[in-house]
């Protein structure tokens, strides 16, 4: 659960002061959360179909949404204040 959240912080550059550059203009909050949810859900579906050796847990879907959506909301709010 914290892996996708930490990667969201790194990709969006939330660990440092806000800067506007090509990276932050491409990885908007909506685009970033969409990419992360698709990747996380894809990994869980791959586990469901035993495409690699791991344990499928349907609660992981809720875990990913429960951390990424609040981060997206906070990020959207704070990034709109910088515009």
C-alpha atoms as a PDB file:
ATOM      1  CA  UNK A   1       0.000   0.000   0.000  1.00  0.00           C
ATOM      2  CA  UNK A   2       2.777   2.441   0.791  1.00  0.00           C
ATOM      3  CA  UNK A   3       4.780   1.541  -2.328  1.00  0.00           C
ATOM      4  CA  UNK A   4       2.378   3.169  -4.791  1.00  0.00           C
ATOM      5  CA  UNK A   5       1.874   6.107  -2.421  1.00  0.00           C
ATOM      6  CA  UNK A   6       5.600   6.763  -2.124  1.00  0.00           C
ATOM      7  CA  UNK A   7       6.060   6.423  -5.891  1.00  0.00           C
ATOM      8  CA  UNK A   8       3.221   8.906  -6.416  1.00  0.00           C
ATOM      9  CA  UNK A   9       5.079  11.362  -4.162  1.00  0.00           C
ATOM     10  CA  UNK A  10       8.324  10.812  -6.072  1.00  0.00           C
ATOM     11  CA  UNK A  11       6.788  11.079  -9.552  1.00  0.00           C
ATOM     12  CA  UNK A  12       4.839  14.233  -8.683  1.00  0.00           C
ATOM     13  CA  UNK A  13       7.834  15.806  -6.902  1.00  0.00           C
ATOM     14  CA  UNK A  14       5.866  16.343  -3.703  1.00  0.00           C
ATOM     15  CA  UNK A  15       8.941  15.742  -1.555  1.00  0.00           C
ATOM     16  CA  UNK A  16      10.421  19.100  -2.501  1.00  0.00           C
ATOM     17  CA  UNK A  17       9.287  22.643  -3.196  1.00  0.00           C
ATOM     18  CA  UNK A  18       6.885  23.050  -6.077  1.00  0.00           C
ATOM     19  CA  UNK A  19       8.403  23.806  -9.457  1.00  0.00           C
ATOM     20  CA  UNK A  20       6.724  24.066 -12.807  1.00  0.00           C
ATOM     21  CA  UNK A  21       8.625  22.197 -15.500  1.00  0.00           C
ATOM     22  CA  UNK A  22       8.021  19.707 -18.299  1.00  0.00           C
ATOM     23  CA  UNK A  23       7.902  16.792 -15.844  1.00  0.00           C
ATOM     24  CA  UNK A  24       5.242  18.312 -13.588  1.00  0.00           C
ATOM     25  CA  UNK A  25       3.225  19.572 -16.547  1.00  0.00           C
ATOM     26  CA  UNK A  26       3.162  16.045 -18.025  1.00  0.00           C
ATOM     27  CA  UNK A  27       2.484  14.204 -14.749  1.00  0.00           C
ATOM     28  CA  UNK A  28      -0.609  16.087 -13.629  1.00  0.00           C
ATOM     29  CA  UNK A  29      -2.393  14.764 -10.536  1.00  0.00           C
ATOM     30  CA  UNK A  30      -5.146  13.147 -12.638  1.00  0.00           C
ATOM     31  CA  UNK A  31      -2.753  11.527 -15.097  1.00  0.00           C
ATOM     32  CA  UNK A  32      -0.498  10.272 -12.311  1.00  0.00           C
ATOM     33  CA  UNK A  33      -3.283   8.706 -10.228  1.00  0.00           C
ATOM     34  CA  UNK A  34      -4.781   7.111 -13.351  1.00  0.00           C
ATOM     35  CA  UNK A  35      -1.460   5.568 -14.366  1.00  0.00           C
ATOM     36  CA  UNK A  36      -0.800   4.299 -10.853  1.00  0.00           C
ATOM     37  CA  UNK A  37      -4.267   2.780 -10.443  1.00  0.00           C
ATOM     38  CA  UNK A  38      -4.025   1.060 -13.836  1.00  0.00           C
ATOM     39  CA  UNK A  39      -0.605  -0.358 -13.002  1.00  0.00           C
ATOM     40  CA  UNK A  40      -1.658  -1.506  -9.514  1.00  0.00           C
ATOM     41  CA  UNK A  41      -4.863  -3.077 -10.796  1.00  0.00           C
ATOM     42  CA  UNK A  42      -2.913  -4.704 -13.641  1.00  0.00           C
ATOM     43  CA  UNK A  43      -0.475  -6.242 -11.173  1.00  0.00           C
ATOM     44  CA  UNK A  44      -3.346  -7.596  -9.069  1.00  0.00           C
ATOM     45  CA  UNK A  45      -5.064  -9.059 -12.138  1.00  0.00           C
ATOM     46  CA  UNK A  46      -1.765 -10.665 -13.164  1.00  0.00           C
ATOM     47  CA  UNK A  47      -1.612 -12.232  -9.707  1.00  0.00           C
ATOM     48  CA  UNK A  48      -5.195 -13.467 -10.076  1.00  0.00           C
ATOM     49  CA  UNK A  49      -4.306 -15.292 -13.291  1.00  0.00           C
ATOM     50  CA  UNK A  50      -1.042 -16.635 -11.807  1.00  0.00           C
ATOM     51  CA  UNK A  51       1.109 -14.921 -14.427  1.00  0.00           C
ATOM     52  CA  UNK A  52       3.883 -14.846 -11.856  1.00  0.00           C
ATOM     53  CA  UNK A  53       4.497 -16.414  -8.470  1.00  0.00           C
ATOM     54  CA  UNK A  54       2.732 -14.294  -5.844  1.00  0.00           C
ATOM     55  CA  UNK A  55      -0.380 -14.188  -3.706  1.00  0.00           C
ATOM     56  CA  UNK A  56      -3.586 -12.611  -4.998  1.00  0.00           C
ATOM     57  CA  UNK A  57      -5.478 -10.544  -2.443  1.00  0.00           C
ATOM     58  CA  UNK A  58      -8.711  -8.825  -3.539  1.00  0.00           C
ATOM     59  CA  UNK A  59      -8.411  -6.397  -0.611  1.00  0.00           C
ATOM     60  CA  UNK A  60      -5.377  -4.878  -2.327  1.00  0.00           C
ATOM     61  CA  UNK A  61      -7.717  -3.099  -4.763  1.00  0.00           C
ATOM     62  CA  UNK A  62      -9.321  -1.267  -1.847  1.00  0.00           C
ATOM     63  CA  UNK A  63      -5.917  -0.597  -0.296  1.00  0.00           C
ATOM     64  CA  UNK A  64      -4.593   1.052  -3.458  1.00  0.00           C
ATOM     65  CA  UNK A  65      -7.688   3.201  -3.899  1.00  0.00           C
ATOM     66  CA  UNK A  66      -7.812   4.154  -0.219  1.00  0.00           C
ATOM     67  CA  UNK A  67      -4.310   5.666  -0.325  1.00  0.00           C
ATOM     68  CA  UNK A  68      -4.016   6.967  -3.887  1.00  0.00           C
ATOM     69  CA  UNK A  69      -7.366   8.768  -4.129  1.00  0.00           C
ATOM     70  CA  UNK A  70      -6.853  10.862  -0.959  1.00  0.00           C
ATOM     71  CA  UNK A  71      -3.321  11.687  -2.132  1.00  0.00           C
ATOM     72  CA  UNK A  72      -4.760  12.725  -5.498  1.00  0.00           C
ATOM     73  CA  UNK A  73      -7.345  14.972  -3.822  1.00  0.00           C
ATOM     74  CA  UNK A  74      -4.736  16.651  -1.605  1.00  0.00           C
ATOM     75  CA  UNK A  75      -2.312  16.985  -4.504  1.00  0.00           C
ATOM     76  CA  UNK A  76      -4.999  18.487  -6.750  1.00  0.00           C
ATOM     77  CA  UNK A  77      -5.897  20.991  -4.067  1.00  0.00           C
ATOM     78  CA  UNK A  78      -2.318  22.039  -3.342  1.00  0.00           C
ATOM     79  CA  UNK A  79      -1.217  22.127  -6.982  1.00  0.00           C
ATOM     80  CA  UNK A  80      -4.189  24.326  -7.916  1.00  0.00           C
ATOM     81  CA  UNK A  81      -3.035  26.852  -5.318  1.00  0.00           C
ATOM     82  CA  UNK A  82       0.292  27.188  -7.188  1.00  0.00           C
ATOM     83  CA  UNK A  83      -1.308  28.067 -10.523  1.00  0.00           C
END
